[in-house]
Amino acid sequence: MSKTGYICVSMEHQETTRQQKIMCDYQVDRIFFEKLSVLCG
């Protein structure tokens, strides 16, 4: 079974590096990114 991750930050300048590391630690197969979203805030 594949794992899908979702990374969301509410500001353009925010980094996703730490969240990406966590996703790798959990061996997530696909990661989706979203910045400046209404869903984030």
PDB file of N, CA and C in Angstrom:
ATOM      1  N   MET A   1       0.846  -1.171   0.000  1.00  0.00           N
ATOM      2  CA  MET A   1       0.000   0.000   0.000  1.00  0.00           C
ATOM      3  C   MET A   1       0.892   1.235   0.000  1.00  0.00           C
ATOM      4  N   SER A   2       0.609   2.171  -0.872  1.00  0.00           N
ATOM      5  CA  SER A   2       1.422   3.380  -0.942  1.00  0.00           C
ATOM      6  C   SER A   2       0.916   4.427   0.051  1.00  0.00           C
ATOM      7  N   LYS A   3       1.840   5.286   0.467  1.00  0.00           N
ATOM      8  CA  LYS A   3       1.514   6.356   1.402  1.00  0.00           C
ATOM      9  C   LYS A   3       1.621   7.685   0.673  1.00  0.00           C
ATOM     10  N   THR A   4       0.656   8.547   0.910  1.00  0.00           N
ATOM     11  CA  THR A   4       0.633   9.872   0.308  1.00  0.00           C
ATOM     12  C   THR A   4       0.701  10.915   1.410  1.00  0.00           C
ATOM     13  N   GLY A   5       1.570  11.913   1.219  1.00  0.00           N
ATOM     14  CA  GLY A   5       1.711  12.985   2.190  1.00  0.00           C
ATOM     15  C   GLY A   5       1.263  14.309   1.605  1.00  0.00           C
ATOM     16  N   TYR A   6       0.922  15.223   2.478  1.00  0.00           N
ATOM     17  CA  TYR A   6       0.459  16.550   2.074  1.00  0.00           C
ATOM     18  C   TYR A   6       1.145  17.584   2.953  1.00  0.00           C
ATOM     19  N   ILE A   7       1.890  18.485   2.318  1.00  0.00           N
ATOM     20  CA  ILE A   7       2.592  19.545   3.033  1.00  0.00           C
ATOM     21  C   ILE A   7       1.951  20.869   2.650  1.00  0.00           C
ATOM     22  N   CYS A   8       1.570  21.633   3.669  1.00  0.00           N
ATOM     23  CA  CYS A   8       0.889  22.897   3.425  1.00  0.00           C
ATOM     24  C   CYS A   8       1.507  23.981   4.292  1.00  0.00           C
ATOM     25  N   VAL A   9       1.914  25.064   3.674  1.00  0.00           N
ATOM     26  CA  VAL A   9       2.393  26.235   4.409  1.00  0.00           C
ATOM     27  C   VAL A   9       1.566  27.435   3.970  1.00  0.00           C
ATOM     28  N   SER A  10       1.369  28.363   4.890  1.00  0.00           N
ATOM     29  CA  SER A  10       0.455  29.468   4.598  1.00  0.00           C
ATOM     30  C   SER A  10       1.135  30.706   4.028  1.00  0.00           C
ATOM     31  N   MET A  11       2.472  30.705   3.981  1.00  0.00           N
ATOM     32  CA  MET A  11       3.171  31.866   3.441  1.00  0.00           C
ATOM     33  C   MET A  11       4.210  31.404   2.418  1.00  0.00           C
ATOM     34  N   GLU A  12       4.373  32.168   1.384  1.00  0.00           N
ATOM     35  CA  GLU A  12       5.278  31.808   0.281  1.00  0.00           C
ATOM     36  C   GLU A  12       6.711  31.576   0.751  1.00  0.00           C
ATOM     37  N   HIS A  13       7.181  32.354   1.715  1.00  0.00           N
ATOM     38  CA  HIS A  13       8.586  32.265   2.122  1.00  0.00           C
ATOM     39  C   HIS A  13       8.862  31.141   3.122  1.00  0.00           C
ATOM     40  N   GLN A  14       7.839  30.457   3.602  1.00  0.00           N
ATOM     41  CA  GLN A  14       8.044  29.383   4.570  1.00  0.00           C
ATOM     42  C   GLN A  14       8.694  28.172   3.899  1.00  0.00           C
ATOM     43  N   GLU A  15       9.557  27.518   4.635  1.00  0.00           N
ATOM     44  CA  GLU A  15      10.266  26.350   4.127  1.00  0.00           C
ATOM     45  C   GLU A  15       9.492  25.072   4.439  1.00  0.00           C
ATOM     46  N   THR A  16       9.649  24.092   3.583  1.00  0.00           N
ATOM     47  CA  THR A  16       8.990  22.800   3.775  1.00  0.00           C
ATOM     48  C   THR A  16      10.000  21.702   4.081  1.00  0.00           C
ATOM     49  N   THR A  17      11.263  22.056   4.271  1.00  0.00           N
ATOM     50  CA  THR A  17      12.334  21.081   4.456  1.00  0.00           C
ATOM     51  C   THR A  17      12.081  20.154   5.635  1.00  0.00           C
ATOM     52  N   ARG A  18      11.687  20.704   6.772  1.00  0.00           N
ATOM     53  CA  ARG A  18      11.465  19.878   7.960  1.00  0.00           C
ATOM     54  C   ARG A  18      10.310  18.900   7.750  1.00  0.00           C
ATOM     55  N   GLN A  19       9.252  19.383   7.101  1.00  0.00           N
ATOM     56  CA  GLN A  19       8.110  18.516   6.831  1.00  0.00           C
ATOM     57  C   GLN A  19       8.485  17.418   5.831  1.00  0.00           C
ATOM     58  N   GLN A  20       9.323  17.767   4.841  1.00  0.00           N
ATOM     59  CA  GLN A  20       9.779  16.767   3.876  1.00  0.00           C
ATOM     60  C   GLN A  20      10.586  15.675   4.569  1.00  0.00           C
ATOM     61  N   LYS A  21      11.431  16.064   5.521  1.00  0.00           N
ATOM     62  CA  LYS A  21      12.232  15.096   6.270  1.00  0.00           C
ATOM     63  C   LYS A  21      11.328  14.138   7.028  1.00  0.00           C
ATOM     64  N   ILE A  22      10.292  14.672   7.658  1.00  0.00           N
ATOM     65  CA  ILE A  22       9.348  13.826   8.389  1.00  0.00           C
ATOM     66  C   ILE A  22       8.667  12.842   7.445  1.00  0.00           C
ATOM     67  N   MET A  23       8.274  13.322   6.266  1.00  0.00           N
ATOM     68  CA  MET A  23       7.637  12.441   5.282  1.00  0.00           C
ATOM     69  C   MET A  23       8.584  11.313   4.867  1.00  0.00           C
ATOM     70  N   CYS A  24       9.856  11.638   4.677  1.00  0.00           N
ATOM     71  CA  CYS A  24      10.845  10.616   4.321  1.00  0.00           C
ATOM     72  C   CYS A  24      11.018   9.611   5.460  1.00  0.00           C
ATOM     73  N   ASP A  25      11.012  10.088   6.692  1.00  0.00           N
ATOM     74  CA  ASP A  25      11.128   9.201   7.850  1.00  0.00           C
ATOM     75  C   ASP A  25       9.968   8.204   7.898  1.00  0.00           C
ATOM     76  N   TYR A  26       8.789   8.626   7.459  1.00  0.00           N
ATOM     77  CA  TYR A  26       7.619   7.750   7.419  1.00  0.00           C
ATOM     78  C   TYR A  26       7.518   6.978   6.102  1.00  0.00           C
ATOM     79  N   GLN A  27       8.511   7.126   5.246  1.00  0.00           N
ATOM     80  CA  GLN A  27       8.589   6.423   3.958  1.00  0.00           C
ATOM     81  C   GLN A  27       7.357   6.683   3.082  1.00  0.00           C
ATOM     82  N   VAL A  28       7.005   7.960   2.975  1.00  0.00           N
ATOM     83  CA  VAL A  28       5.878   8.370   2.145  1.00  0.00           C
ATOM     84  C   VAL A  28       6.293   8.281   0.676  1.00  0.00           C
ATOM     85  N   ASP A  29       5.418   7.719  -0.161  1.00  0.00           N
ATOM     86  CA  ASP A  29       5.726   7.518  -1.572  1.00  0.00           C
ATOM     87  C   ASP A  29       5.503   8.756  -2.435  1.00  0.00           C
ATOM     88  N   ARG A  30       4.425   9.484  -2.160  1.00  0.00           N
ATOM     89  CA  ARG A  30       4.100  10.683  -2.936  1.00  0.00           C
ATOM     90  C   ARG A  30       3.820  11.818  -1.970  1.00  0.00           C
ATOM     91  N   ILE A  31       4.365  12.997  -2.291  1.00  0.00           N
ATOM     92  CA  ILE A  31       4.153  14.166  -1.446  1.00  0.00           C
ATOM     93  C   ILE A  31       3.584  15.293  -2.304  1.00  0.00           C
ATOM     94  N   PHE A  32       2.499  15.868  -1.845  1.00  0.00           N
ATOM     95  CA  PHE A  32       1.905  17.020  -2.491  1.00  0.00           C
ATOM     96  C   PHE A  32       2.217  18.259  -1.652  1.00  0.00           C
ATOM     97  N   PHE A  33       2.492  19.371  -2.331  1.00  0.00           N
ATOM     98  CA  PHE A  33       2.844  20.631  -1.667  1.00  0.00           C
ATOM     99  C   PHE A  33       1.807  21.688  -2.002  1.00  0.00           C
ATOM    100  N   GLU A  34       1.546  22.547  -1.031  1.00  0.00           N
ATOM    101  CA  GLU A  34       0.658  23.668  -1.279  1.00  0.00           C
ATOM    102  C   GLU A  34       1.167  24.868  -0.475  1.00  0.00           C
ATOM    103  N   LYS A  35       1.253  26.015  -1.148  1.00  0.00           N
ATOM    104  CA  LYS A  35       1.640  27.252  -0.486  1.00  0.00           C
ATOM    105  C   LYS A  35       0.574  28.300  -0.751  1.00  0.00           C
ATOM    106  N   LEU A  36       0.420  29.198   0.210  1.00  0.00           N
ATOM    107  CA  LEU A  36      -0.531  30.309   0.094  1.00  0.00           C
ATOM    108  C   LEU A  36      -1.951  29.820  -0.167  1.00  0.00           C
ATOM    109  N   SER A  37      -2.416  28.889   0.630  1.00  0.00           N
ATOM    110  CA  SER A  37      -3.725  28.309   0.423  1.00  0.00           C
ATOM    111  C   SER A  37      -4.728  28.767   1.465  1.00  0.00           C
ATOM    112  N   VAL A  38      -5.958  28.839   1.099  1.00  0.00           N
ATOM    113  CA  VAL A  38      -7.030  29.112   2.046  1.00  0.00           C
ATOM    114  C   VAL A  38      -7.150  27.927   3.008  1.00  0.00           C
ATOM    115  N   LEU A  39      -6.843  26.721   2.536  1.00  0.00           N
ATOM    116  CA  LEU A  39      -6.935  25.536   3.377  1.00  0.00           C
ATOM    117  C   LEU A  39      -5.908  25.538   4.503  1.00  0.00           C
ATOM    118  N   CYS A  40      -4.771  26.200   4.299  1.00  0.00           N
ATOM    119  CA  CYS A  40      -3.718  26.219   5.311  1.00  0.00           C
ATOM    120  C   CYS A  40      -4.061  27.096   6.497  1.00  0.00           C
ATOM    121  N   GLY A  41      -4.777  28.139   6.286  1.00  0.00           N
ATOM    122  CA  GLY A  41      -5.004  29.088   7.373  1.00  0.00           C
ATOM    123  C   GLY A  41      -6.410  29.132   7.743  1.00  0.00           C
TER     124      GLY A  41
END
